[in-house]
mmCIF file of all heavy atoms, coordinates in Angstrom:
data_MODEL
# 
_entry.id   MODEL 
# 
loop_
_atom_site.group_PDB 
_atom_site.id 
_atom_site.type_symbol 
_atom_site.label_atom_id 
_atom_site.label_alt_id 
_atom_site.label_comp_id 
_atom_site.label_asym_id 
_atom_site.label_entity_id 
_atom_site.label_seq_id 
_atom_site.pdbx_PDB_ins_code 
_atom_site.Cartn_x 
_atom_site.Cartn_y 
_atom_site.Cartn_z 
_atom_site.occupancy 
_atom_site.B_iso_or_equiv 
_atom_site.pdbx_formal_charge 
_atom_site.auth_seq_id 
_atom_site.auth_comp_id 
_atom_site.auth_asym_id 
_atom_site.auth_atom_id 
_atom_site.pdbx_PDB_model_num 
ATOM 1   N N   . ASP A 1 1  ? 0.812  -1.226 -0.010  1.00 0.00 ? 1  ASP A N   1 
ATOM 2   C CA  . ASP A 1 1  ? 0.030  -0.041 0.001   1.00 0.00 ? 1  ASP A CA  1 
ATOM 3   C C   . ASP A 1 1  ? 0.818  1.226  0.023   1.00 0.00 ? 1  ASP A C   1 
ATOM 4   O O   . ASP A 1 1  ? 0.315  2.309  -0.094  1.00 0.00 ? 1  ASP A O   1 
ATOM 5   C CB  . ASP A 1 1  ? -1.009 0.053  1.236   1.00 0.00 ? 1  ASP A CB  1 
ATOM 6   C CG  . ASP A 1 1  ? -0.250 -0.191 2.570   1.00 0.00 ? 1  ASP A CG  1 
ATOM 7   O OD1 . ASP A 1 1  ? 0.904  0.206  2.676   1.00 0.00 ? 1  ASP A OD1 1 
ATOM 8   O OD2 . ASP A 1 1  ? -0.824 -0.739 3.436   1.00 0.00 ? 1  ASP A OD2 1 
ATOM 9   N N   . ARG A 1 2  ? 2.147  1.154  0.141   1.00 0.00 ? 2  ARG A N   1 
ATOM 10  C CA  . ARG A 1 2  ? 3.020  2.277  0.178   1.00 0.00 ? 2  ARG A CA  1 
ATOM 11  C C   . ARG A 1 2  ? 4.421  1.964  -0.175  1.00 0.00 ? 2  ARG A C   1 
ATOM 12  O O   . ARG A 1 2  ? 5.005  0.893  0.084   1.00 0.00 ? 2  ARG A O   1 
ATOM 13  C CB  . ARG A 1 2  ? 3.063  2.896  1.568   1.00 0.00 ? 2  ARG A CB  1 
ATOM 14  C CG  . ARG A 1 2  ? 3.831  4.091  1.734   1.00 0.00 ? 2  ARG A CG  1 
ATOM 15  C CD  . ARG A 1 2  ? 3.373  4.910  3.078   1.00 0.00 ? 2  ARG A CD  1 
ATOM 16  N NE  . ARG A 1 2  ? 3.350  4.160  4.227   1.00 0.00 ? 2  ARG A NE  1 
ATOM 17  C CZ  . ARG A 1 2  ? 4.186  4.045  5.206   1.00 0.00 ? 2  ARG A CZ  1 
ATOM 18  N NH1 . ARG A 1 2  ? 5.276  4.872  5.166   1.00 0.00 ? 2  ARG A NH1 1 
ATOM 19  N NH2 . ARG A 1 2  ? 4.060  3.225  6.297   1.00 0.00 ? 2  ARG A NH2 1 
ATOM 20  N N   . VAL A 1 3  ? 5.145  2.958  -0.957  1.00 0.00 ? 3  VAL A N   1 
ATOM 21  C CA  . VAL A 1 3  ? 6.519  2.763  -1.401  1.00 0.00 ? 3  VAL A CA  1 
ATOM 22  C C   . VAL A 1 3  ? 7.173  4.113  -1.078  1.00 0.00 ? 3  VAL A C   1 
ATOM 23  O O   . VAL A 1 3  ? 6.654  5.089  -1.423  1.00 0.00 ? 3  VAL A O   1 
ATOM 24  C CB  . VAL A 1 3  ? 6.715  2.381  -2.919  1.00 0.00 ? 3  VAL A CB  1 
ATOM 25  C CG1 . VAL A 1 3  ? 8.082  2.342  -3.204  1.00 0.00 ? 3  VAL A CG1 1 
ATOM 26  C CG2 . VAL A 1 3  ? 5.890  1.016  -3.112  1.00 0.00 ? 3  VAL A CG2 1 
ATOM 27  N N   . GLU A 1 4  ? 8.304  3.981  -0.396  1.00 0.00 ? 4  GLU A N   1 
ATOM 28  C CA  . GLU A 1 4  ? 9.146  5.196  -0.095  1.00 0.00 ? 4  GLU A CA  1 
ATOM 29  C C   . GLU A 1 4  ? 10.581 4.953  -0.742  1.00 0.00 ? 4  GLU A C   1 
ATOM 30  O O   . GLU A 1 4  ? 11.139 3.890  -0.597  1.00 0.00 ? 4  GLU A O   1 
ATOM 31  C CB  . GLU A 1 4  ? 9.295  5.430  1.266   1.00 0.00 ? 4  GLU A CB  1 
ATOM 32  C CG  . GLU A 1 4  ? 8.013  5.802  2.020   1.00 0.00 ? 4  GLU A CG  1 
ATOM 33  C CD  . GLU A 1 4  ? 8.170  6.048  3.509   1.00 0.00 ? 4  GLU A CD  1 
ATOM 34  O OE1 . GLU A 1 4  ? 9.316  5.828  3.978   1.00 0.00 ? 4  GLU A OE1 1 
ATOM 35  O OE2 . GLU A 1 4  ? 7.167  6.400  4.173   1.00 0.00 ? 4  GLU A OE2 1 
ATOM 36  N N   . ILE A 1 5  ? 11.019 5.970  -1.547  1.00 0.00 ? 5  ILE A N   1 
ATOM 37  C CA  . ILE A 1 5  ? 12.363 5.885  -2.139  1.00 0.00 ? 5  ILE A CA  1 
ATOM 38  C C   . ILE A 1 5  ? 13.144 7.155  -1.862  1.00 0.00 ? 5  ILE A C   1 
ATOM 39  O O   . ILE A 1 5  ? 12.639 8.220  -2.006  1.00 0.00 ? 5  ILE A O   1 
ATOM 40  C CB  . ILE A 1 5  ? 12.334 5.662  -3.692  1.00 0.00 ? 5  ILE A CB  1 
ATOM 41  C CG1 . ILE A 1 5  ? 11.502 4.450  -4.029  1.00 0.00 ? 5  ILE A CG1 1 
ATOM 42  C CG2 . ILE A 1 5  ? 13.549 5.661  -4.310  1.00 0.00 ? 5  ILE A CG2 1 
ATOM 43  C CD1 . ILE A 1 5  ? 11.283 4.164  -5.440  1.00 0.00 ? 5  ILE A CD1 1 
ATOM 44  N N   . GLU A 1 6  ? 14.314 6.997  -1.317  1.00 0.00 ? 6  GLU A N   1 
ATOM 45  C CA  . GLU A 1 6  ? 15.228 8.146  -1.180  1.00 0.00 ? 6  GLU A CA  1 
ATOM 46  C C   . GLU A 1 6  ? 16.257 8.108  -2.265  1.00 0.00 ? 6  GLU A C   1 
ATOM 47  O O   . GLU A 1 6  ? 16.790 7.076  -2.538  1.00 0.00 ? 6  GLU A O   1 
ATOM 48  C CB  . GLU A 1 6  ? 15.969 7.973  0.150   1.00 0.00 ? 6  GLU A CB  1 
ATOM 49  C CG  . GLU A 1 6  ? 15.043 8.191  1.419   1.00 0.00 ? 6  GLU A CG  1 
ATOM 50  C CD  . GLU A 1 6  ? 15.741 7.977  2.710   1.00 0.00 ? 6  GLU A CD  1 
ATOM 51  O OE1 . GLU A 1 6  ? 16.954 7.538  2.702   1.00 0.00 ? 6  GLU A OE1 1 
ATOM 52  O OE2 . GLU A 1 6  ? 15.046 8.150  3.781   1.00 0.00 ? 6  GLU A OE2 1 
ATOM 53  N N   . PHE A 1 7  ? 16.529 9.169  -2.840  1.00 0.00 ? 7  PHE A N   1 
ATOM 54  C CA  . PHE A 1 7  ? 17.515 9.310  -3.979  1.00 0.00 ? 7  PHE A CA  1 
ATOM 55  C C   . PHE A 1 7  ? 18.411 10.572 -3.950  1.00 0.00 ? 7  PHE A C   1 
ATOM 56  O O   . PHE A 1 7  ? 17.977 11.611 -3.366  1.00 0.00 ? 7  PHE A O   1 
ATOM 57  C CB  . PHE A 1 7  ? 16.802 9.204  -5.290  1.00 0.00 ? 7  PHE A CB  1 
ATOM 58  C CG  . PHE A 1 7  ? 15.829 10.408 -5.498  1.00 0.00 ? 7  PHE A CG  1 
ATOM 59  C CD1 . PHE A 1 7  ? 16.236 11.504 -6.316  1.00 0.00 ? 7  PHE A CD1 1 
ATOM 60  C CD2 . PHE A 1 7  ? 14.541 10.592 -5.007  1.00 0.00 ? 7  PHE A CD2 1 
ATOM 61  C CE1 . PHE A 1 7  ? 15.386 12.582 -6.550  1.00 0.00 ? 7  PHE A CE1 1 
ATOM 62  C CE2 . PHE A 1 7  ? 13.692 11.551 -5.178  1.00 0.00 ? 7  PHE A CE2 1 
ATOM 63  C CZ  . PHE A 1 7  ? 14.122 12.647 -6.024  1.00 0.00 ? 7  PHE A CZ  1 
ATOM 64  N N   . GLU A 1 8  ? 19.506 10.494 -4.492  1.00 0.00 ? 8  GLU A N   1 
ATOM 65  C CA  . GLU A 1 8  ? 20.423 11.694 -4.669  1.00 0.00 ? 8  GLU A CA  1 
ATOM 66  C C   . GLU A 1 8  ? 19.672 12.603 -5.651  1.00 0.00 ? 8  GLU A C   1 
ATOM 67  O O   . GLU A 1 8  ? 19.114 12.271 -6.592  1.00 0.00 ? 8  GLU A O   1 
ATOM 68  C CB  . GLU A 1 8  ? 21.648 11.244 -5.263  1.00 0.00 ? 8  GLU A CB  1 
ATOM 69  C CG  . GLU A 1 8  ? 22.725 12.312 -5.697  1.00 0.00 ? 8  GLU A CG  1 
ATOM 70  C CD  . GLU A 1 8  ? 23.331 13.087 -4.538  1.00 0.00 ? 8  GLU A CD  1 
ATOM 71  O OE1 . GLU A 1 8  ? 23.406 12.444 -3.430  1.00 0.00 ? 8  GLU A OE1 1 
ATOM 72  O OE2 . GLU A 1 8  ? 23.622 14.249 -4.667  1.00 0.00 ? 8  GLU A OE2 1 
ATOM 73  N N   . PRO A 1 9  ? 19.646 13.835 -5.211  1.00 0.00 ? 9  PRO A N   1 
ATOM 74  C CA  . PRO A 1 9  ? 18.958 14.841 -6.006  1.00 0.00 ? 9  PRO A CA  1 
ATOM 75  C C   . PRO A 1 9  ? 19.080 14.786 -7.469  1.00 0.00 ? 9  PRO A C   1 
ATOM 76  O O   . PRO A 1 9  ? 18.174 15.057 -8.282  1.00 0.00 ? 9  PRO A O   1 
ATOM 77  C CB  . PRO A 1 9  ? 19.463 16.257 -5.443  1.00 0.00 ? 9  PRO A CB  1 
ATOM 78  C CG  . PRO A 1 9  ? 19.697 15.952 -4.049  1.00 0.00 ? 9  PRO A CG  1 
ATOM 79  C CD  . PRO A 1 9  ? 20.275 14.589 -3.989  1.00 0.00 ? 9  PRO A CD  1 
ATOM 80  N N   . GLU A 1 10 ? 20.379 14.503 -7.966  1.00 0.00 ? 10 GLU A N   1 
ATOM 81  C CA  . GLU A 1 10 ? 20.582 14.467 -9.452  1.00 0.00 ? 10 GLU A CA  1 
ATOM 82  C C   . GLU A 1 10 ? 20.109 13.159 -10.068 1.00 0.00 ? 10 GLU A C   1 
ATOM 83  O O   . GLU A 1 10 ? 20.196 13.010 -11.334 1.00 0.00 ? 10 GLU A O   1 
ATOM 84  C CB  . GLU A 1 10 ? 22.197 14.645 -9.664  1.00 0.00 ? 10 GLU A CB  1 
ATOM 85  C CG  . GLU A 1 10 ? 22.629 16.047 -9.354  1.00 0.00 ? 10 GLU A CG  1 
ATOM 86  C CD  . GLU A 1 10 ? 24.089 16.173 -9.719  1.00 0.00 ? 10 GLU A CD  1 
ATOM 87  O OE1 . GLU A 1 10 ? 24.641 15.145 -10.250 1.00 0.00 ? 10 GLU A OE1 1 
ATOM 88  O OE2 . GLU A 1 10 ? 24.633 17.192 -9.364  1.00 0.00 ? 10 GLU A OE2 1 
ATOM 89  N N   . TYR A 1 11 ? 19.590 12.330 -9.311  1.00 0.00 ? 11 TYR A N   1 
ATOM 90  C CA  . TYR A 1 11 ? 19.247 10.947 -9.764  1.00 0.00 ? 11 TYR A CA  1 
ATOM 91  C C   . TYR A 1 11 ? 17.778 10.671 -9.660  1.00 0.00 ? 11 TYR A C   1 
ATOM 92  O O   . TYR A 1 11 ? 17.378 9.509  -9.439  1.00 0.00 ? 11 TYR A O   1 
ATOM 93  C CB  . TYR A 1 11 ? 20.085 9.904  -9.080  1.00 0.00 ? 11 TYR A CB  1 
ATOM 94  C CG  . TYR A 1 11 ? 21.519 9.836  -9.501  1.00 0.00 ? 11 TYR A CG  1 
ATOM 95  C CD1 . TYR A 1 11 ? 22.495 10.629 -8.959  1.00 0.00 ? 11 TYR A CD1 1 
ATOM 96  C CD2 . TYR A 1 11 ? 21.919 9.113  -10.648 1.00 0.00 ? 11 TYR A CD2 1 
ATOM 97  C CE1 . TYR A 1 11 ? 23.810 10.661 -9.350  1.00 0.00 ? 11 TYR A CE1 1 
ATOM 98  C CE2 . TYR A 1 11 ? 23.228 9.042  -11.026 1.00 0.00 ? 11 TYR A CE2 1 
ATOM 99  C CZ  . TYR A 1 11 ? 24.199 9.839  -10.390 1.00 0.00 ? 11 TYR A CZ  1 
ATOM 100 O OH  . TYR A 1 11 ? 25.474 9.834  -10.794 1.00 0.00 ? 11 TYR A OH  1 
ATOM 101 N N   . ARG A 1 12 ? 16.966 11.700 -9.856  1.00 0.00 ? 12 ARG A N   1 
ATOM 102 C CA  . ARG A 1 12 ? 15.485 11.415 -9.831  1.00 0.00 ? 12 ARG A CA  1 
ATOM 103 C C   . ARG A 1 12 ? 14.943 10.359 -10.815 1.00 0.00 ? 12 ARG A C   1 
ATOM 104 O O   . ARG A 1 12 ? 14.083 9.543  -10.559 1.00 0.00 ? 12 ARG A O   1 
ATOM 105 C CB  . ARG A 1 12 ? 14.695 12.699 -10.008 1.00 0.00 ? 12 ARG A CB  1 
ATOM 106 C CG  . ARG A 1 12 ? 13.228 12.598 -9.905  1.00 0.00 ? 12 ARG A CG  1 
ATOM 107 C CD  . ARG A 1 12 ? 12.474 13.911 -10.113 1.00 0.00 ? 12 ARG A CD  1 
ATOM 108 N NE  . ARG A 1 12 ? 11.073 13.771 -9.949  1.00 0.00 ? 12 ARG A NE  1 
ATOM 109 C CZ  . ARG A 1 12 ? 10.223 13.373 -10.844 1.00 0.00 ? 12 ARG A CZ  1 
ATOM 110 N NH1 . ARG A 1 12 ? 10.706 13.082 -12.054 1.00 0.00 ? 12 ARG A NH1 1 
ATOM 111 N NH2 . ARG A 1 12 ? 8.942  13.224 -10.640 1.00 0.00 ? 12 ARG A NH2 1 
ATOM 112 N N   . SER A 1 13 ? 15.606 10.439 -12.054 1.00 0.00 ? 13 SER A N   1 
ATOM 113 C CA  . SER A 1 13 ? 15.125 9.536  -13.123 1.00 0.00 ? 13 SER A CA  1 
ATOM 114 C C   . SER A 1 13 ? 15.426 8.070  -12.718 1.00 0.00 ? 13 SER A C   1 
ATOM 115 O O   . SER A 1 13 ? 14.729 7.173  -13.028 1.00 0.00 ? 13 SER A O   1 
ATOM 116 C CB  . SER A 1 13 ? 15.802 9.936  -14.460 1.00 0.00 ? 13 SER A CB  1 
ATOM 117 O OG  . SER A 1 13 ? 17.169 9.757  -14.414 1.00 0.00 ? 13 SER A OG  1 
ATOM 118 N N   . THR A 1 14 ? 16.559 7.889  -11.920 1.00 0.00 ? 14 THR A N   1 
ATOM 119 C CA  . THR A 1 14 ? 16.824 6.511  -11.502 1.00 0.00 ? 14 THR A CA  1 
ATOM 120 C C   . THR A 1 14 ? 15.766 5.984  -10.549 1.00 0.00 ? 14 THR A C   1 
ATOM 121 O O   . THR A 1 14 ? 15.336 4.927  -10.568 1.00 0.00 ? 14 THR A O   1 
ATOM 122 C CB  . THR A 1 14 ? 18.242 6.576  -10.727 1.00 0.00 ? 14 THR A CB  1 
ATOM 123 O OG1 . THR A 1 14 ? 19.193 7.204  -11.574 1.00 0.00 ? 14 THR A OG1 1 
ATOM 124 C CG2 . THR A 1 14 ? 18.754 5.094  -10.594 1.00 0.00 ? 14 THR A CG2 1 
ATOM 125 N N   . ALA A 1 15 ? 15.409 6.954  -9.626  1.00 0.00 ? 15 ALA A N   1 
ATOM 126 C CA  . ALA A 1 15 ? 14.234 6.521  -8.688  1.00 0.00 ? 15 ALA A CA  1 
ATOM 127 C C   . ALA A 1 15 ? 12.970 6.255  -9.386  1.00 0.00 ? 15 ALA A C   1 
ATOM 128 O O   . ALA A 1 15 ? 12.285 5.300  -9.044  1.00 0.00 ? 15 ALA A O   1 
ATOM 129 C CB  . ALA A 1 15 ? 14.128 7.622  -7.648  1.00 0.00 ? 15 ALA A CB  1 
ATOM 130 N N   . VAL A 1 16 ? 12.676 7.122  -10.414 1.00 0.00 ? 16 VAL A N   1 
ATOM 131 C CA  . VAL A 1 16 ? 11.452 6.855  -11.178 1.00 0.00 ? 16 VAL A CA  1 
ATOM 132 C C   . VAL A 1 16 ? 11.497 5.569  -11.928 1.00 0.00 ? 16 VAL A C   1 
ATOM 133 O O   . VAL A 1 16 ? 10.411 4.820  -11.985 1.00 0.00 ? 16 VAL A O   1 
ATOM 134 C CB  . VAL A 1 16 ? 11.176 8.073  -12.046 1.00 0.00 ? 16 VAL A CB  1 
ATOM 135 C CG1 . VAL A 1 16 ? 9.996  7.753  -13.020 1.00 0.00 ? 16 VAL A CG1 1 
ATOM 136 C CG2 . VAL A 1 16 ? 11.023 9.312  -11.369 1.00 0.00 ? 16 VAL A CG2 1 
ATOM 137 N N   . LEU A 1 17 ? 12.637 5.204  -12.483 1.00 0.00 ? 17 LEU A N   1 
ATOM 138 C CA  . LEU A 1 17 ? 12.692 3.881  -13.133 1.00 0.00 ? 17 LEU A CA  1 
ATOM 139 C C   . LEU A 1 17 ? 12.533 2.741  -12.187 1.00 0.00 ? 17 LEU A C   1 
ATOM 140 O O   . LEU A 1 17 ? 12.044 1.702  -12.570 1.00 0.00 ? 17 LEU A O   1 
ATOM 141 C CB  . LEU A 1 17 ? 14.169 3.721  -13.764 1.00 0.00 ? 17 LEU A CB  1 
ATOM 142 C CG  . LEU A 1 17 ? 14.336 4.444  -15.101 1.00 0.00 ? 17 LEU A CG  1 
ATOM 143 C CD1 . LEU A 1 17 ? 15.857 4.307  -15.551 1.00 0.00 ? 17 LEU A CD1 1 
ATOM 144 C CD2 . LEU A 1 17 ? 13.432 3.937  -16.167 1.00 0.00 ? 17 LEU A CD2 1 
ATOM 145 N N   . LEU A 1 18 ? 12.938 2.868  -10.931 1.00 0.00 ? 18 LEU A N   1 
ATOM 146 C CA  . LEU A 1 18 ? 12.668 1.877  -9.884  1.00 0.00 ? 18 LEU A CA  1 
ATOM 147 C C   . LEU A 1 18 ? 11.103 1.756  -9.697  1.00 0.00 ? 18 LEU A C   1 
ATOM 148 O O   . LEU A 1 18 ? 10.579 0.588  -9.550  1.00 0.00 ? 18 LEU A O   1 
ATOM 149 C CB  . LEU A 1 18 ? 13.343 2.148  -8.632  1.00 0.00 ? 18 LEU A CB  1 
ATOM 150 C CG  . LEU A 1 18 ? 13.288 1.135  -7.459  1.00 0.00 ? 18 LEU A CG  1 
ATOM 151 C CD1 . LEU A 1 18 ? 13.773 -0.166 -7.966  1.00 0.00 ? 18 LEU A CD1 1 
ATOM 152 C CD2 . LEU A 1 18 ? 14.064 1.563  -6.282  1.00 0.00 ? 18 LEU A CD2 1 
ATOM 153 N N   . VAL A 1 19 ? 10.423 2.867  -9.570  1.00 0.00 ? 19 VAL A N   1 
ATOM 154 C CA  . VAL A 1 19 ? 8.995  2.801  -9.590  1.00 0.00 ? 19 VAL A CA  1 
ATOM 155 C C   . VAL A 1 19 ? 8.394  2.127  -10.807 1.00 0.00 ? 19 VAL A C   1 
ATOM 156 O O   . VAL A 1 19 ? 7.409  1.329  -10.825 1.00 0.00 ? 19 VAL A O   1 
ATOM 157 C CB  . VAL A 1 19 ? 8.364  4.217  -9.439  1.00 0.00 ? 19 VAL A CB  1 
ATOM 158 C CG1 . VAL A 1 19 ? 6.838  4.208  -9.403  1.00 0.00 ? 19 VAL A CG1 1 
ATOM 159 C CG2 . VAL A 1 19 ? 8.935  4.892  -8.103  1.00 0.00 ? 19 VAL A CG2 1 
ATOM 160 N N   . GLY A 1 20 ? 8.938  2.446  -11.942 1.00 0.00 ? 20 GLY A N   1 
ATOM 161 C CA  . GLY A 1 20 ? 8.549  1.878  -13.197 1.00 0.00 ? 20 GLY A CA  1 
ATOM 162 C C   . GLY A 1 20 ? 8.662  0.370  -13.186 1.00 0.00 ? 20 GLY A C   1 
ATOM 163 O O   . GLY A 1 20 ? 7.863  -0.424 -13.666 1.00 0.00 ? 20 GLY A O   1 
ATOM 164 N N   . TRP A 1 21 ? 9.796  -0.151 -12.579 1.00 0.00 ? 21 TRP A N   1 
ATOM 165 C CA  . TRP A 1 21 ? 9.948  -1.624 -12.460 1.00 0.00 ? 21 TRP A CA  1 
ATOM 166 C C   . TRP A 1 21 ? 8.879  -2.343 -11.592 1.00 0.00 ? 21 TRP A C   1 
ATOM 167 O O   . TRP A 1 21 ? 8.331  -3.340 -11.973 1.00 0.00 ? 21 TRP A O   1 
ATOM 168 C CB  . TRP A 1 21 ? 11.422 -1.908 -11.902 1.00 0.00 ? 21 TRP A CB  1 
ATOM 169 C CG  . TRP A 1 21 ? 11.610 -3.312 -11.519 1.00 0.00 ? 21 TRP A CG  1 
ATOM 170 C CD1 . TRP A 1 21 ? 11.744 -4.396 -12.449 1.00 0.00 ? 21 TRP A CD1 1 
ATOM 171 C CD2 . TRP A 1 21 ? 11.770 -3.890 -10.223 1.00 0.00 ? 21 TRP A CD2 1 
ATOM 172 N NE1 . TRP A 1 21 ? 11.941 -5.596 -11.742 1.00 0.00 ? 21 TRP A NE1 1 
ATOM 173 C CE2 . TRP A 1 21 ? 11.960 -5.284 -10.390 1.00 0.00 ? 21 TRP A CE2 1 
ATOM 174 C CE3 . TRP A 1 21 ? 11.730 -3.377 -9.011  1.00 0.00 ? 21 TRP A CE3 1 
ATOM 175 C CZ2 . TRP A 1 21 ? 12.124 -6.200 -9.330  1.00 0.00 ? 21 TRP A CZ2 1 
ATOM 176 C CZ3 . TRP A 1 21 ? 11.902 -4.267 -7.923  1.00 0.00 ? 21 TRP A CZ3 1 
ATOM 177 C CH2 . TRP A 1 21 ? 11.942 -5.599 -8.066  1.00 0.00 ? 21 TRP A CH2 1 
ATOM 178 N N   . LEU A 1 22 ? 8.581  -1.644 -10.388 1.00 0.00 ? 22 LEU A N   1 
ATOM 179 C CA  . LEU A 1 22 ? 7.574  -2.160 -9.485  1.00 0.00 ? 22 LEU A CA  1 
ATOM 180 C C   . LEU A 1 22 ? 6.211  -2.164 -10.310 1.00 0.00 ? 22 LEU A C   1 
ATOM 181 O O   . LEU A 1 22 ? 5.475  -3.148 -10.228 1.00 0.00 ? 22 LEU A O   1 
ATOM 182 C CB  . LEU A 1 22 ? 7.533  -1.340 -8.269  1.00 0.00 ? 22 LEU A CB  1 
ATOM 183 C CG  . LEU A 1 22 ? 8.636  -1.466 -7.283  1.00 0.00 ? 22 LEU A CG  1 
ATOM 184 C CD1 . LEU A 1 22 ? 8.541  -0.413 -6.249  1.00 0.00 ? 22 LEU A CD1 1 
ATOM 185 C CD2 . LEU A 1 22 ? 8.592  -2.871 -6.597  1.00 0.00 ? 22 LEU A CD2 1 
ATOM 186 N N   . SER A 1 23 ? 5.976  -1.009 -10.996 1.00 0.00 ? 23 SER A N   1 
ATOM 187 C CA  . SER A 1 23 ? 4.722  -0.891 -11.756 1.00 0.00 ? 23 SER A CA  1 
ATOM 188 C C   . SER A 1 23 ? 4.498  -1.972 -12.820 1.00 0.00 ? 23 SER A C   1 
ATOM 189 O O   . SER A 1 23 ? 3.465  -2.638 -13.067 1.00 0.00 ? 23 SER A O   1 
ATOM 190 C CB  . SER A 1 23 ? 4.576  0.533  -12.316 1.00 0.00 ? 23 SER A CB  1 
ATOM 191 O OG  . SER A 1 23 ? 4.624  1.465  -11.220 1.00 0.00 ? 23 SER A OG  1 
ATOM 192 N N   . ALA A 1 24 ? 5.658  -2.102 -13.599 1.00 0.00 ? 24 ALA A N   1 
ATOM 193 C CA  . ALA A 1 24 ? 5.500  -3.090 -14.709 1.00 0.00 ? 24 ALA A CA  1 
ATOM 194 C C   . ALA A 1 24 ? 5.390  -4.528 -14.222 1.00 0.00 ? 24 ALA A C   1 
ATOM 195 O O   . ALA A 1 24 ? 4.660  -5.296 -14.860 1.00 0.00 ? 24 ALA A O   1 
ATOM 196 C CB  . ALA A 1 24 ? 6.946  -2.993 -15.557 1.00 0.00 ? 24 ALA A CB  1 
ATOM 197 N N   . GLN A 1 25 ? 6.035  -4.885 -13.134 1.00 0.00 ? 25 GLN A N   1 
ATOM 198 C CA  . GLN A 1 25 ? 6.000  -6.249 -12.627 1.00 0.00 ? 25 GLN A CA  1 
ATOM 199 C C   . GLN A 1 25 ? 4.793  -6.529 -11.896 1.00 0.00 ? 25 GLN A C   1 
ATOM 200 O O   . GLN A 1 25 ? 4.253  -7.619 -11.816 1.00 0.00 ? 25 GLN A O   1 
ATOM 201 C CB  . GLN A 1 25 ? 7.179  -6.412 -11.610 1.00 0.00 ? 25 GLN A CB  1 
ATOM 202 C CG  . GLN A 1 25 ? 8.599  -6.362 -12.392 1.00 0.00 ? 25 GLN A CG  1 
ATOM 203 C CD  . GLN A 1 25 ? 8.673  -7.410 -13.508 1.00 0.00 ? 25 GLN A CD  1 
ATOM 204 O OE1 . GLN A 1 25 ? 8.339  -7.149 -14.636 1.00 0.00 ? 25 GLN A OE1 1 
ATOM 205 N NE2 . GLN A 1 25 ? 9.262  -8.558 -13.211 1.00 0.00 ? 25 GLN A NE2 1 
ATOM 206 N N   . LEU A 1 26 ? 4.114  -5.502 -11.232 1.00 0.00 ? 26 LEU A N   1 
ATOM 207 C CA  . LEU A 1 26 ? 2.909  -5.659 -10.349 1.00 0.00 ? 26 LEU A CA  1 
ATOM 208 C C   . LEU A 1 26 ? 1.709  -5.239 -11.002 1.00 0.00 ? 26 LEU A C   1 
ATOM 209 O O   . LEU A 1 26 ? 0.612  -5.278 -10.459 1.00 0.00 ? 26 LEU A O   1 
ATOM 210 C CB  . LEU A 1 26 ? 3.135  -4.956 -9.119  1.00 0.00 ? 26 LEU A CB  1 
ATOM 211 C CG  . LEU A 1 26 ? 4.351  -5.464 -8.285  1.00 0.00 ? 26 LEU A CG  1 
ATOM 212 C CD1 . LEU A 1 26 ? 4.518  -4.702 -6.903  1.00 0.00 ? 26 LEU A CD1 1 
ATOM 213 C CD2 . LEU A 1 26 ? 4.197  -7.060 -7.876  1.00 0.00 ? 26 LEU A CD2 1 
ATOM 214 N N   . GLY A 1 27 ? 1.738  -4.652 -12.244 1.00 0.00 ? 27 GLY A N   1 
ATOM 215 C CA  . GLY A 1 27 ? 0.522  -4.269 -12.923 1.00 0.00 ? 27 GLY A CA  1 
ATOM 216 C C   . GLY A 1 27 ? -0.066 -2.991 -12.433 1.00 0.00 ? 27 GLY A C   1 
ATOM 217 O O   . GLY A 1 27 ? -1.346 -2.732 -12.562 1.00 0.00 ? 27 GLY A O   1 
ATOM 218 N N   . TRP A 1 28 ? 0.751  -2.071 -11.801 1.00 0.00 ? 28 TRP A N   1 
ATOM 219 C CA  . TRP A 1 28 ? 0.229  -0.839 -11.305 1.00 0.00 ? 28 TRP A CA  1 
ATOM 220 C C   . TRP A 1 28 ? 0.073  0.160  -12.447 1.00 0.00 ? 28 TRP A C   1 
ATOM 221 O O   . TRP A 1 28 ? 0.641  0.181  -13.412 1.00 0.00 ? 28 TRP A O   1 
ATOM 222 C CB  . TRP A 1 28 ? 1.173  -0.199 -10.289 1.00 0.00 ? 28 TRP A CB  1 
ATOM 223 C CG  . TRP A 1 28 ? 1.402  -0.981 -9.088  1.00 0.00 ? 28 TRP A CG  1 
ATOM 224 C CD1 . TRP A 1 28 ? 0.712  -2.048 -8.572  1.00 0.00 ? 28 TRP A CD1 1 
ATOM 225 C CD2 . TRP A 1 28 ? 2.470  -0.713 -8.013  1.00 0.00 ? 28 TRP A CD2 1 
ATOM 226 N NE1 . TRP A 1 28 ? 1.111  -2.461 -7.454  1.00 0.00 ? 28 TRP A NE1 1 
ATOM 227 C CE2 . TRP A 1 28 ? 2.240  -1.714 -7.037  1.00 0.00 ? 28 TRP A CE2 1 
ATOM 228 C CE3 . TRP A 1 28 ? 3.450  0.177  -7.914  1.00 0.00 ? 28 TRP A CE3 1 
ATOM 229 C CZ2 . TRP A 1 28 ? 3.034  -1.786 -5.956  1.00 0.00 ? 28 TRP A CZ2 1 
ATOM 230 C CZ3 . TRP A 1 28 ? 4.291  0.151  -6.853  1.00 0.00 ? 28 TRP A CZ3 1 
ATOM 231 C CH2 . TRP A 1 28 ? 4.055  -0.799 -5.871  1.00 0.00 ? 28 TRP A CH2 1 
ATOM 232 N N   . MET A 1 29 ? -1.017 0.987  -12.254 1.00 0.00 ? 29 MET A N   1 
ATOM 233 C CA  . MET A 1 29 ? -1.410 2.080  -13.187 1.00 0.00 ? 29 MET A CA  1 
ATOM 234 C C   . MET A 1 29 ? -1.007 3.343  -12.655 1.00 0.00 ? 29 MET A C   1 
ATOM 235 O O   . MET A 1 29 ? -1.305 3.641  -11.471 1.00 0.00 ? 29 MET A O   1 
ATOM 236 C CB  . MET A 1 29 ? -2.853 1.919  -13.590 1.00 0.00 ? 29 MET A CB  1 
ATOM 237 C CG  . MET A 1 29 ? -3.269 0.638  -14.224 1.00 0.00 ? 29 MET A CG  1 
ATOM 238 S SD  . MET A 1 29 ? -2.395 0.295  -15.742 1.00 0.00 ? 29 MET A SD  1 
ATOM 239 C CE  . MET A 1 29 ? -3.032 1.590  -16.858 1.00 0.00 ? 29 MET A CE  1 
ATOM 240 N N   . PRO A 1 30 ? -0.428 4.286  -13.402 1.00 0.00 ? 30 PRO A N   1 
ATOM 241 C CA  . PRO A 1 30 ? -0.016 5.554  -12.915 1.00 0.00 ? 30 PRO A CA  1 
ATOM 242 C C   . PRO A 1 30 ? -1.174 6.480  -12.661 1.00 0.00 ? 30 PRO A C   1 
ATOM 243 O O   . PRO A 1 30 ? -2.145 6.462  -13.195 1.00 0.00 ? 30 PRO A O   1 
ATOM 244 C CB  . PRO A 1 30 ? 0.864  6.070  -14.029 1.00 0.00 ? 30 PRO A CB  1 
ATOM 245 C CG  . PRO A 1 30 ? 0.265  5.536  -15.291 1.00 0.00 ? 30 PRO A CG  1 
ATOM 246 C CD  . PRO A 1 30 ? -0.116 4.160  -14.929 1.00 0.00 ? 30 PRO A CD  1 
# 
């Protein structure tokens, strides 16, 4: 029901890709 990700300020796209992986594997919709 919740995901928290901490990331280096210059690496926001890396954190978003991690969300993308979870979404793709678990069928989440944005």
